[in-house]
Amino acid sequence: MTDSTESGLVVVDKPQGWTSHQIVGRCRRLLGTRKVGHAGTLDPMATGVLLVGVNRATRLLGHLMLTEKEYTATIRLGASTITDDAEGGTIERRGCGVLDESLLDQAMQPFRGDILQVPTQVSAIKIDGKRSYARVRAGEQVELKARPVTVFEFSLLGSDPAEVEGTPVLDLRVRVRCSSGTYIRALARDLGAALGCGGHLTVLRRTRVGPFGLDRAQPVDNETEHLTLIGIDEVAAECFPTLAVDEPMARAISYGQRLSGVELTALTAMLHQGRFLALYAPDGPDAKAEAVFS
């Protein structure tokens, strides 16, 4: 059990088959508090880093989602599925033989940098108040608009020819470093389309969210008995630029007051004697409160 005043982050290494909702529920039971939430959903088939906020840190999660993420994945060329991953039924199987790495790298190039990406149809994006995946499962045709995302790295780690039900396929092991909101399944789909053979995702592992990598992640499953919490003060200092303030300014911050003459260049964690007070944003020559935690 954790005291209700404790706030912070649990960096979870999510096991395959578990939903993000199940992870949150398990953390609630282990920590003895209802105030638990996660930043950035991982599909049941995916594994890896999931950030779970506890108590006051749940209010940080929306800000933590707007950050860089890193994945390793396997893209299967030669077959397309309705979900763009291995969870959905196959809709086309064209097959794919061994391809030269230079050809693959050339095909991957348009999906690097600032790109417009059409999200996968089974995403959680709402269309007229209803999740896209719910509409697809109900048999509806869904048209999603392309969204700007940034893919900082989309690199080939290796390729492995295989055969599925008599059809030759090519499994690409890749690393992706990208902005929040990027769908790795959509990268698999679009790369397969560019190569003319179709593609989908078969393995996905998130290796990092912002400064939190697998080296700091802990498994959470039915056998877990204890969770280590990274305190909210440390989380804020790791995830945002910081500004140390004196007692009078700390008092003003506790009321969410505008700070005249305090020029910031980005969303900033305001600290008093190492204690996290609030997030402040630049507003011309002043700073304005985005969220107060003290």
C-alpha atoms as a PDB file:
ATOM      1  CA  MET A   1       0.000   0.000   0.000  1.00  0.00           C
ATOM      2  CA  THR A   2       1.097   3.572  -0.625  1.00  0.00           C
ATOM      3  CA  ASP A   3       0.167   6.596   1.413  1.00  0.00           C
ATOM      4  CA  SER A   4      -2.375   8.749  -0.428  1.00  0.00           C
ATOM      5  CA  THR A   5       0.017  11.710  -0.289  1.00  0.00           C
ATOM      6  CA  GLU A   6       2.680   9.882  -2.342  1.00  0.00           C
ATOM      7  CA  SER A   7       2.690  10.975  -5.960  1.00  0.00           C
ATOM      8  CA  GLY A   8       4.890   9.906  -8.802  1.00  0.00           C
ATOM      9  CA  LEU A   9       5.430   7.643 -11.756  1.00  0.00           C
ATOM     10  CA  VAL A  10       5.708   3.904 -12.180  1.00  0.00           C
ATOM     11  CA  VAL A  11       7.617   2.892 -15.311  1.00  0.00           C
ATOM     12  CA  VAL A  12       6.043  -0.406 -16.335  1.00  0.00           C
ATOM     13  CA  ASP A  13       7.351  -3.049 -18.735  1.00  0.00           C
ATOM     14  CA  LYS A  14       3.958  -4.147 -20.032  1.00  0.00           C
ATOM     15  CA  PRO A  15       3.678  -7.855 -20.824  1.00  0.00           C
ATOM     16  CA  GLN A  16       2.092  -9.115 -24.014  1.00  0.00           C
ATOM     17  CA  GLY A  17      -1.636  -9.765 -23.789  1.00  0.00           C
ATOM     18  CA  TRP A  18      -2.311  -7.203 -21.074  1.00  0.00           C
ATOM     19  CA  THR A  19      -4.286  -4.059 -21.851  1.00  0.00           C
ATOM     20  CA  SER A  20      -3.231  -0.668 -20.528  1.00  0.00           C
ATOM     21  CA  HIS A  21      -6.470  -0.646 -18.519  1.00  0.00           C
ATOM     22  CA  GLN A  22      -5.538  -3.930 -16.853  1.00  0.00           C
ATOM     23  CA  ILE A  23      -2.110  -2.546 -15.948  1.00  0.00           C
ATOM     24  CA  VAL A  24      -3.726   0.504 -14.313  1.00  0.00           C
ATOM     25  CA  GLY A  25      -6.065  -1.749 -12.352  1.00  0.00           C
ATOM     26  CA  ARG A  26      -3.193  -3.894 -11.108  1.00  0.00           C
ATOM     27  CA  CYS A  27      -1.239  -0.784 -10.069  1.00  0.00           C
ATOM     28  CA  ARG A  28      -4.259   0.522  -8.171  1.00  0.00           C
ATOM     29  CA  ARG A  29      -4.453  -2.654  -6.137  1.00  0.00           C
ATOM     30  CA  LEU A  30      -0.717  -2.796  -5.469  1.00  0.00           C
ATOM     31  CA  LEU A  31      -0.441   0.882  -4.505  1.00  0.00           C
ATOM     32  CA  GLY A  32      -3.723   1.139  -2.620  1.00  0.00           C
ATOM     33  CA  THR A  33      -5.007   4.260  -4.364  1.00  0.00           C
ATOM     34  CA  ARG A  34      -7.693   4.978  -6.936  1.00  0.00           C
ATOM     35  CA  LYS A  35      -5.820   7.914  -8.460  1.00  0.00           C
ATOM     36  CA  VAL A  36      -3.878   6.009 -11.112  1.00  0.00           C
ATOM     37  CA  GLY A  37      -3.719   6.624 -14.867  1.00  0.00           C
ATOM     38  CA  HIS A  38      -1.471   5.911 -17.827  1.00  0.00           C
ATOM     39  CA  ALA A  39       0.178   7.990 -20.540  1.00  0.00           C
ATOM     40  CA  GLY A  40      -0.004   6.581 -24.051  1.00  0.00           C
ATOM     41  CA  THR A  41      -1.940   3.368 -24.644  1.00  0.00           C
ATOM     42  CA  LEU A  42      -0.193   0.186 -25.752  1.00  0.00           C
ATOM     43  CA  ASP A  43      -2.173  -2.445 -27.652  1.00  0.00           C
ATOM     44  CA  PRO A  44      -2.507  -5.885 -26.006  1.00  0.00           C
ATOM     45  CA  MET A  45      -0.071  -7.424 -28.534  1.00  0.00           C
ATOM     46  CA  ALA A  46       2.572  -4.787 -27.709  1.00  0.00           C
ATOM     47  CA  THR A  47       5.065  -4.879 -24.856  1.00  0.00           C
ATOM     48  CA  GLY A  48       7.376  -2.393 -23.236  1.00  0.00           C
ATOM     49  CA  VAL A  49       7.391   0.983 -21.536  1.00  0.00           C
ATOM     50  CA  LEU A  50       4.079   2.272 -20.187  1.00  0.00           C
ATOM     51  CA  LEU A  51       4.095   5.285 -17.873  1.00  0.00           C
ATOM     52  CA  VAL A  52       1.652   5.063 -14.986  1.00  0.00           C
ATOM     53  CA  GLY A  53       0.946   8.182 -12.930  1.00  0.00           C
ATOM     54  CA  VAL A  54      -0.047   7.961  -9.272  1.00  0.00           C
ATOM     55  CA  ASN A  55      -2.081  10.531  -7.298  1.00  0.00           C
ATOM     56  CA  ARG A  56      -1.056  14.114  -8.205  1.00  0.00           C
ATOM     57  CA  ALA A  57       1.213  12.828 -10.984  1.00  0.00           C
ATOM     58  CA  THR A  58      -1.859  11.735 -12.974  1.00  0.00           C
ATOM     59  CA  ARG A  59      -2.247  15.421 -13.870  1.00  0.00           C
ATOM     60  CA  LEU A  60       1.222  15.360 -15.441  1.00  0.00           C
ATOM     61  CA  LEU A  61       0.354  12.574 -17.854  1.00  0.00           C
ATOM     62  CA  GLY A  62      -1.227  14.758 -20.518  1.00  0.00           C
ATOM     63  CA  HIS A  63       1.996  16.746 -20.727  1.00  0.00           C
ATOM     64  CA  LEU A  64       4.198  13.618 -20.702  1.00  0.00           C
ATOM     65  CA  MET A  65       2.326  12.189 -23.716  1.00  0.00           C
ATOM     66  CA  LEU A  66       3.601  15.050 -25.896  1.00  0.00           C
ATOM     67  CA  THR A  67       7.096  13.654 -26.097  1.00  0.00           C
ATOM     68  CA  GLU A  68       9.430  11.437 -28.101  1.00  0.00           C
ATOM     69  CA  LYS A  69       8.957   7.662 -28.120  1.00  0.00           C
ATOM     70  CA  GLU A  70      11.107   4.790 -29.333  1.00  0.00           C
ATOM     71  CA  TYR A  71      10.160   1.293 -30.509  1.00  0.00           C
ATOM     72  CA  THR A  72      11.545  -1.885 -31.953  1.00  0.00           C
ATOM     73  CA  ALA A  73       9.154  -3.713 -34.237  1.00  0.00           C
ATOM     74  CA  THR A  74       8.757  -6.431 -36.841  1.00  0.00           C
ATOM     75  CA  ILE A  75       7.009  -5.542 -40.095  1.00  0.00           C
ATOM     76  CA  ARG A  76       5.793  -8.452 -42.206  1.00  0.00           C
ATOM     77  CA  LEU A  77       5.851  -7.671 -45.919  1.00  0.00           C
ATOM     78  CA  GLY A  78       3.652  -9.693 -48.242  1.00  0.00           C
ATOM     79  CA  ALA A  79       0.306  -9.592 -46.429  1.00  0.00           C
ATOM     80  CA  SER A  80      -2.183  -6.948 -45.277  1.00  0.00           C
ATOM     81  CA  THR A  81      -4.656  -7.173 -42.388  1.00  0.00           C
ATOM     82  CA  ILE A  82      -7.747  -5.218 -41.449  1.00  0.00           C
ATOM     83  CA  THR A  83      -6.066  -3.884 -38.292  1.00  0.00           C
ATOM     84  CA  ASP A  84      -2.610  -3.327 -39.839  1.00  0.00           C
ATOM     85  CA  ASP A  85      -1.216  -5.769 -37.260  1.00  0.00           C
ATOM     86  CA  ALA A  86      -1.269  -9.486 -36.495  1.00  0.00           C
ATOM     87  CA  GLU A  87      -4.453  -9.183 -34.397  1.00  0.00           C
ATOM     88  CA  GLY A  88      -6.698  -8.646 -37.420  1.00  0.00           C
ATOM     89  CA  GLY A  89      -7.810 -10.941 -40.207  1.00  0.00           C
ATOM     90  CA  THR A  90      -5.813 -11.058 -43.439  1.00  0.00           C
ATOM     91  CA  ILE A  91      -7.438  -9.095 -46.250  1.00  0.00           C
ATOM     92  CA  GLU A  92      -4.788  -9.649 -48.939  1.00  0.00           C
ATOM     93  CA  ARG A  93      -1.759 -11.886 -49.325  1.00  0.00           C
ATOM     94  CA  ARG A  94       0.500 -10.948 -52.239  1.00  0.00           C
ATOM     95  CA  GLY A  95       3.720 -12.431 -50.946  1.00  0.00           C
ATOM     96  CA  CYS A  96       7.190 -10.933 -50.786  1.00  0.00           C
ATOM     97  CA  GLY A  97      10.593 -12.410 -51.528  1.00  0.00           C
ATOM     98  CA  VAL A  98      14.004 -11.311 -50.300  1.00  0.00           C
ATOM     99  CA  LEU A  99      14.682  -7.636 -51.007  1.00  0.00           C
ATOM    100  CA  ASP A 100      18.001  -5.805 -51.124  1.00  0.00           C
ATOM    101  CA  GLU A 101      18.646  -3.616 -48.077  1.00  0.00           C
ATOM    102  CA  SER A 102      19.360  -0.578 -50.245  1.00  0.00           C
ATOM    103  CA  LEU A 103      15.937  -0.982 -51.890  1.00  0.00           C
ATOM    104  CA  LEU A 104      14.281  -1.282 -48.495  1.00  0.00           C
ATOM    105  CA  ASP A 105      16.094   1.784 -47.192  1.00  0.00           C
ATOM    106  CA  GLN A 106      15.013   3.739 -50.249  1.00  0.00           C
ATOM    107  CA  ALA A 107      11.387   2.667 -49.695  1.00  0.00           C
ATOM    108  CA  MET A 108      11.574   3.694 -46.019  1.00  0.00           C
ATOM    109  CA  GLN A 109      12.978   7.166 -46.776  1.00  0.00           C
ATOM    110  CA  PRO A 110       9.602   8.905 -47.483  1.00  0.00           C
ATOM    111  CA  PHE A 111       8.413   7.875 -44.022  1.00  0.00           C
ATOM    112  CA  ARG A 112      11.208   9.713 -42.214  1.00  0.00           C
ATOM    113  CA  GLY A 113      11.099  13.288 -40.953  1.00  0.00           C
ATOM    114  CA  ASP A 114       7.958  15.422 -40.856  1.00  0.00           C
ATOM    115  CA  ILE A 115       5.251  13.440 -42.622  1.00  0.00           C
ATOM    116  CA  LEU A 116       1.479  13.265 -42.944  1.00  0.00           C
ATOM    117  CA  GLN A 117       0.197   9.915 -41.686  1.00  0.00           C
ATOM    118  CA  VAL A 118      -3.294   8.447 -41.955  1.00  0.00           C
ATOM    119  CA  PRO A 119      -3.925   6.689 -38.613  1.00  0.00           C
ATOM    120  CA  THR A 120      -4.874   3.036 -38.603  1.00  0.00           C
ATOM    121  CA  GLN A 121      -8.634   2.492 -38.822  1.00  0.00           C
ATOM    122  CA  VAL A 122      -8.725   0.616 -35.519  1.00  0.00           C
ATOM    123  CA  SER A 123      -7.304   3.564 -33.593  1.00  0.00           C
ATOM    124  CA  ALA A 124      -9.014   5.201 -30.611  1.00  0.00           C
ATOM    125  CA  ILE A 125      -9.622   8.409 -32.579  1.00  0.00           C
ATOM    126  CA  LYS A 126     -13.221   9.578 -32.223  1.00  0.00           C
ATOM    127  CA  ILE A 127     -15.443  10.155 -35.244  1.00  0.00           C
ATOM    128  CA  ASP A 128     -18.651  11.963 -34.305  1.00  0.00           C
ATOM    129  CA  GLY A 129     -18.225  10.863 -30.717  1.00  0.00           C
ATOM    130  CA  LYS A 130     -17.549   7.191 -31.470  1.00  0.00           C
ATOM    131  CA  ARG A 131     -14.143   5.470 -31.475  1.00  0.00           C
ATOM    132  CA  SER A 132     -12.860   4.564 -34.920  1.00  0.00           C
ATOM    133  CA  TYR A 133     -12.134   0.959 -33.873  1.00  0.00           C
ATOM    134  CA  ALA A 134     -15.735   0.572 -32.659  1.00  0.00           C
ATOM    135  CA  ARG A 135     -17.066   1.727 -36.026  1.00  0.00           C
ATOM    136  CA  VAL A 136     -14.767  -0.682 -37.883  1.00  0.00           C
ATOM    137  CA  ARG A 137     -15.823  -3.603 -35.675  1.00  0.00           C
ATOM    138  CA  ALA A 138     -19.452  -2.687 -36.378  1.00  0.00           C
ATOM    139  CA  GLY A 139     -18.763  -3.090 -40.094  1.00  0.00           C
ATOM    140  CA  GLU A 140     -18.637   0.600 -40.991  1.00  0.00           C
ATOM    141  CA  GLN A 141     -16.290   2.127 -43.540  1.00  0.00           C
ATOM    142  CA  VAL A 142     -14.016   4.627 -41.817  1.00  0.00           C
ATOM    143  CA  GLU A 143     -12.115   7.493 -43.437  1.00  0.00           C
ATOM    144  CA  LEU A 144      -9.535   9.159 -41.206  1.00  0.00           C
ATOM    145  CA  LYS A 145      -7.704  12.353 -42.086  1.00  0.00           C
ATOM    146  CA  ALA A 146      -3.927  12.432 -42.354  1.00  0.00           C
ATOM    147  CA  ARG A 147      -2.167  13.969 -39.367  1.00  0.00           C
ATOM    148  CA  PRO A 148       1.276  15.550 -39.097  1.00  0.00           C
ATOM    149  CA  VAL A 149       3.795  13.425 -37.177  1.00  0.00           C
ATOM    150  CA  THR A 150       7.575  13.319 -36.991  1.00  0.00           C
ATOM    151  CA  VAL A 151       9.630  10.172 -37.494  1.00  0.00           C
ATOM    152  CA  PHE A 152      13.142  10.956 -36.263  1.00  0.00           C
ATOM    153  CA  GLU A 153      14.441   7.468 -37.065  1.00  0.00           C
ATOM    154  CA  PHE A 154      13.072   4.586 -39.139  1.00  0.00           C
ATOM    155  CA  SER A 155      15.956   2.188 -39.561  1.00  0.00           C
ATOM    156  CA  LEU A 156      16.325  -1.396 -40.701  1.00  0.00           C
ATOM    157  CA  LEU A 157      17.948  -3.750 -38.196  1.00  0.00           C
ATOM    158  CA  GLY A 158      17.659  -6.875 -40.326  1.00  0.00           C
ATOM    159  CA  SER A 159      15.330  -9.000 -42.445  1.00  0.00           C
ATOM    160  CA  ASP A 160      14.214 -12.621 -42.281  1.00  0.00           C
ATOM    161  CA  PRO A 161      12.435 -14.493 -45.091  1.00  0.00           C
ATOM    162  CA  ALA A 162       9.605 -16.754 -43.947  1.00  0.00           C
ATOM    163  CA  GLU A 163       6.550 -18.547 -45.244  1.00  0.00           C
ATOM    164  CA  VAL A 164       2.953 -18.250 -44.023  1.00  0.00           C
ATOM    165  CA  GLU A 165       0.380 -20.744 -45.301  1.00  0.00           C
ATOM    166  CA  GLY A 166       2.434 -21.299 -48.426  1.00  0.00           C
ATOM    167  CA  THR A 167       3.024 -17.614 -49.129  1.00  0.00           C
ATOM    168  CA  PRO A 168       6.556 -16.188 -48.953  1.00  0.00           C
ATOM    169  CA  VAL A 169       6.845 -13.153 -46.664  1.00  0.00           C
ATOM    170  CA  LEU A 170       9.695 -10.976 -45.465  1.00  0.00           C
ATOM    171  CA  ASP A 171       9.951  -9.950 -41.822  1.00  0.00           C
ATOM    172  CA  LEU A 172      11.747  -6.654 -41.293  1.00  0.00           C
ATOM    173  CA  ARG A 173      13.184  -5.863 -37.866  1.00  0.00           C
ATOM    174  CA  VAL A 174      13.146  -2.091 -37.468  1.00  0.00           C
ATOM    175  CA  ARG A 175      13.758   0.669 -34.953  1.00  0.00           C
ATOM    176  CA  VAL A 176      11.469   3.704 -34.855  1.00  0.00           C
ATOM    177  CA  ARG A 177      11.988   6.930 -32.940  1.00  0.00           C
ATOM    178  CA  CYS A 178       9.052   9.258 -33.356  1.00  0.00           C
ATOM    179  CA  SER A 179       6.776  11.936 -31.970  1.00  0.00           C
ATOM    180  CA  SER A 180       3.741  11.082 -29.902  1.00  0.00           C
ATOM    181  CA  GLY A 181       0.740  10.293 -32.100  1.00  0.00           C
ATOM    182  CA  THR A 182       2.719   8.235 -34.627  1.00  0.00           C
ATOM    183  CA  TYR A 183       1.195   4.832 -35.422  1.00  0.00           C
ATOM    184  CA  ILE A 184       3.819   2.150 -36.011  1.00  0.00           C
ATOM    185  CA  ARG A 185       1.103  -0.045 -37.529  1.00  0.00           C
ATOM    186  CA  ALA A 186       0.468   2.678 -40.088  1.00  0.00           C
ATOM    187  CA  LEU A 187       4.186   2.746 -40.960  1.00  0.00           C
ATOM    188  CA  ALA A 188       4.007  -1.016 -41.587  1.00  0.00           C
ATOM    189  CA  ARG A 189       0.880  -0.603 -43.720  1.00  0.00           C
ATOM    190  CA  ASP A 190       2.288   2.283 -45.744  1.00  0.00           C
ATOM    191  CA  LEU A 191       5.704   0.694 -46.310  1.00  0.00           C
ATOM    192  CA  GLY A 192       4.004  -2.443 -47.609  1.00  0.00           C
ATOM    193  CA  ALA A 193       1.832  -0.347 -49.913  1.00  0.00           C
ATOM    194  CA  ALA A 194       4.870   1.553 -51.210  1.00  0.00           C
ATOM    195  CA  LEU A 195       6.573  -1.746 -52.058  1.00  0.00           C
ATOM    196  CA  GLY A 196       3.414  -3.076 -53.693  1.00  0.00           C
ATOM    197  CA  CYS A 197       3.179  -6.188 -51.539  1.00  0.00           C
ATOM    198  CA  GLY A 198       1.227  -5.076 -48.484  1.00  0.00           C
ATOM    199  CA  GLY A 199       2.461  -5.105 -44.918  1.00  0.00           C
ATOM    200  CA  HIS A 200       1.440  -5.317 -41.292  1.00  0.00           C
ATOM    201  CA  LEU A 201       2.961  -5.304 -37.835  1.00  0.00           C
ATOM    202  CA  THR A 202       3.673  -8.599 -36.054  1.00  0.00           C
ATOM    203  CA  VAL A 203       5.805  -7.456 -33.086  1.00  0.00           C
ATOM    204  CA  LEU A 204       5.907  -4.134 -31.251  1.00  0.00           C
ATOM    205  CA  ARG A 205       7.983  -3.217 -28.211  1.00  0.00           C
ATOM    206  CA  ARG A 206       8.164   0.312 -26.846  1.00  0.00           C
ATOM    207  CA  THR A 207      11.670   0.851 -25.544  1.00  0.00           C
ATOM    208  CA  ARG A 208      11.469   4.447 -24.377  1.00  0.00           C
ATOM    209  CA  VAL A 209       9.069   7.285 -23.582  1.00  0.00           C
ATOM    210  CA  GLY A 210      10.867  10.592 -23.102  1.00  0.00           C
ATOM    211  CA  PRO A 211      13.711   9.979 -20.631  1.00  0.00           C
ATOM    212  CA  PHE A 212      12.227   6.709 -19.333  1.00  0.00           C
ATOM    213  CA  GLY A 213      13.597   3.562 -20.953  1.00  0.00           C
ATOM    214  CA  LEU A 214      13.391  -0.170 -20.395  1.00  0.00           C
ATOM    215  CA  ASP A 215      16.371   0.031 -18.037  1.00  0.00           C
ATOM    216  CA  ARG A 216      14.065   1.698 -15.509  1.00  0.00           C
ATOM    217  CA  ALA A 217      10.950  -0.349 -16.234  1.00  0.00           C
ATOM    218  CA  GLN A 218       9.533  -2.996 -13.926  1.00  0.00           C
ATOM    219  CA  PRO A 219       7.255  -5.887 -14.848  1.00  0.00           C
ATOM    220  CA  VAL A 220       3.654  -5.680 -13.690  1.00  0.00           C
ATOM    221  CA  ASP A 221       1.594  -8.853 -13.800  1.00  0.00           C
ATOM    222  CA  ASN A 222      -0.324 -11.146 -11.473  1.00  0.00           C
ATOM    223  CA  GLU A 223       2.914 -12.180  -9.750  1.00  0.00           C
ATOM    224  CA  THR A 224       4.033  -8.621  -8.964  1.00  0.00           C
ATOM    225  CA  GLU A 225       3.968  -7.781  -5.259  1.00  0.00           C
ATOM    226  CA  HIS A 226       5.833  -4.465  -5.076  1.00  0.00           C
ATOM    227  CA  LEU A 227       6.156  -1.353  -7.229  1.00  0.00           C
ATOM    228  CA  THR A 228       8.866   1.296  -7.132  1.00  0.00           C
ATOM    229  CA  LEU A 229       7.594   4.841  -7.462  1.00  0.00           C
ATOM    230  CA  ILE A 230       9.653   7.668  -8.995  1.00  0.00           C
ATOM    231  CA  GLY A 231       8.640  10.752  -6.989  1.00  0.00           C
ATOM    232  CA  ILE A 232       6.831  13.601  -8.727  1.00  0.00           C
ATOM    233  CA  ASP A 233       9.678  16.036  -7.940  1.00  0.00           C
ATOM    234  CA  GLU A 234      12.171  13.825  -9.772  1.00  0.00           C
ATOM    235  CA  VAL A 235       9.776  13.204 -12.661  1.00  0.00           C
ATOM    236  CA  ALA A 236       9.202  16.916 -13.215  1.00  0.00           C
ATOM    237  CA  ALA A 237      12.931  17.660 -13.086  1.00  0.00           C
ATOM    238  CA  GLU A 238      13.667  14.933 -15.667  1.00  0.00           C
ATOM    239  CA  CYS A 239      10.893  15.776 -18.097  1.00  0.00           C
ATOM    240  CA  PHE A 240      10.911  19.576 -18.215  1.00  0.00           C
ATOM    241  CA  PRO A 241      13.323  22.492 -18.010  1.00  0.00           C
ATOM    242  CA  THR A 242      13.379  23.714 -14.411  1.00  0.00           C
ATOM    243  CA  LEU A 243      13.491  27.059 -12.637  1.00  0.00           C
ATOM    244  CA  ALA A 244      14.342  27.352  -8.936  1.00  0.00           C
ATOM    245  CA  VAL A 245      12.260  30.051  -7.225  1.00  0.00           C
ATOM    246  CA  ASP A 246      12.429  31.821  -3.860  1.00  0.00           C
ATOM    247  CA  GLU A 247       9.811  31.786  -1.110  1.00  0.00           C
ATOM    248  CA  PRO A 248       7.773  34.840  -2.246  1.00  0.00           C
ATOM    249  CA  MET A 249       7.583  33.548  -5.816  1.00  0.00           C
ATOM    250  CA  ALA A 250       6.706  30.052  -4.555  1.00  0.00           C
ATOM    251  CA  ARG A 251       3.779  31.583  -2.675  1.00  0.00           C
ATOM    252  CA  ALA A 252       2.574  33.350  -5.828  1.00  0.00           C
ATOM    253  CA  ILE A 253       2.929  30.140  -7.818  1.00  0.00           C
ATOM    254  CA  SER A 254       0.822  28.220  -5.283  1.00  0.00           C
ATOM    255  CA  TYR A 255      -2.065  30.543  -6.243  1.00  0.00           C
ATOM    256  CA  GLY A 256      -1.381  30.169  -9.964  1.00  0.00           C
ATOM    257  CA  GLN A 257      -0.503  33.832 -10.333  1.00  0.00           C
ATOM    258  CA  ARG A 258       1.044  35.264 -13.464  1.00  0.00           C
ATOM    259  CA  LEU A 259       4.769  35.901 -13.042  1.00  0.00           C
ATOM    260  CA  SER A 260       5.680  39.294 -14.498  1.00  0.00           C
ATOM    261  CA  GLY A 261       9.136  39.594 -16.022  1.00  0.00           C
ATOM    262  CA  VAL A 262       9.864  35.862 -15.821  1.00  0.00           C
ATOM    263  CA  GLU A 263      10.798  34.891 -19.377  1.00  0.00           C
ATOM    264  CA  LEU A 264      10.629  31.203 -20.245  1.00  0.00           C
ATOM    265  CA  THR A 265      11.486  29.459 -23.512  1.00  0.00           C
ATOM    266  CA  ALA A 266       9.357  26.342 -22.969  1.00  0.00           C
ATOM    267  CA  LEU A 267       6.949  24.694 -20.559  1.00  0.00           C
ATOM    268  CA  THR A 268       8.920  24.763 -17.313  1.00  0.00           C
ATOM    269  CA  ALA A 269       8.782  22.999 -13.949  1.00  0.00           C
ATOM    270  CA  MET A 270       8.922  25.517 -11.112  1.00  0.00           C
ATOM    271  CA  LEU A 271      10.820  24.198  -8.095  1.00  0.00           C
ATOM    272  CA  HIS A 272      11.240  25.530  -4.560  1.00  0.00           C
ATOM    273  CA  GLN A 273      14.004  23.847  -2.568  1.00  0.00           C
ATOM    274  CA  GLY A 274      13.730  20.856  -4.902  1.00  0.00           C
ATOM    275  CA  ARG A 275       9.968  20.536  -4.509  1.00  0.00           C
ATOM    276  CA  PHE A 276       7.864  20.627  -7.670  1.00  0.00           C
ATOM    277  CA  LEU A 277       5.231  23.354  -7.507  1.00  0.00           C
ATOM    278  CA  ALA A 278       3.776  23.883 -10.969  1.00  0.00           C
ATOM    279  CA  LEU A 279       4.203  23.930 -14.722  1.00  0.00           C
ATOM    280  CA  TYR A 280       4.479  27.400 -16.220  1.00  0.00           C
ATOM    281  CA  ALA A 281       4.432  28.374 -19.896  1.00  0.00           C
ATOM    282  CA  PRO A 282       6.003  31.378 -21.643  1.00  0.00           C
ATOM    283  CA  ASP A 283       3.629  34.244 -22.382  1.00  0.00           C
ATOM    284  CA  GLY A 284       5.601  37.105 -23.916  1.00  0.00           C
ATOM    285  CA  PRO A 285       7.826  38.681 -21.255  1.00  0.00           C
ATOM    286  CA  ASP A 286       5.887  36.886 -18.507  1.00  0.00           C
ATOM    287  CA  ALA A 287       5.070  33.334 -17.409  1.00  0.00           C
ATOM    288  CA  LYS A 288       1.597  31.904 -16.942  1.00  0.00           C
ATOM    289  CA  ALA A 289       0.451  28.870 -14.971  1.00  0.00           C
ATOM    290  CA  GLU A 290      -0.455  25.742 -16.929  1.00  0.00           C
ATOM    291  CA  ALA A 291      -0.975  23.424 -13.967  1.00  0.00           C
ATOM    292  CA  VAL A 292      -0.372  23.970 -10.258  1.00  0.00           C
ATOM    293  CA  PHE A 293       0.617  20.962  -8.135  1.00  0.00           C
ATOM    294  CA  SER A 294       1.549  22.527  -4.793  1.00  0.00           C
END
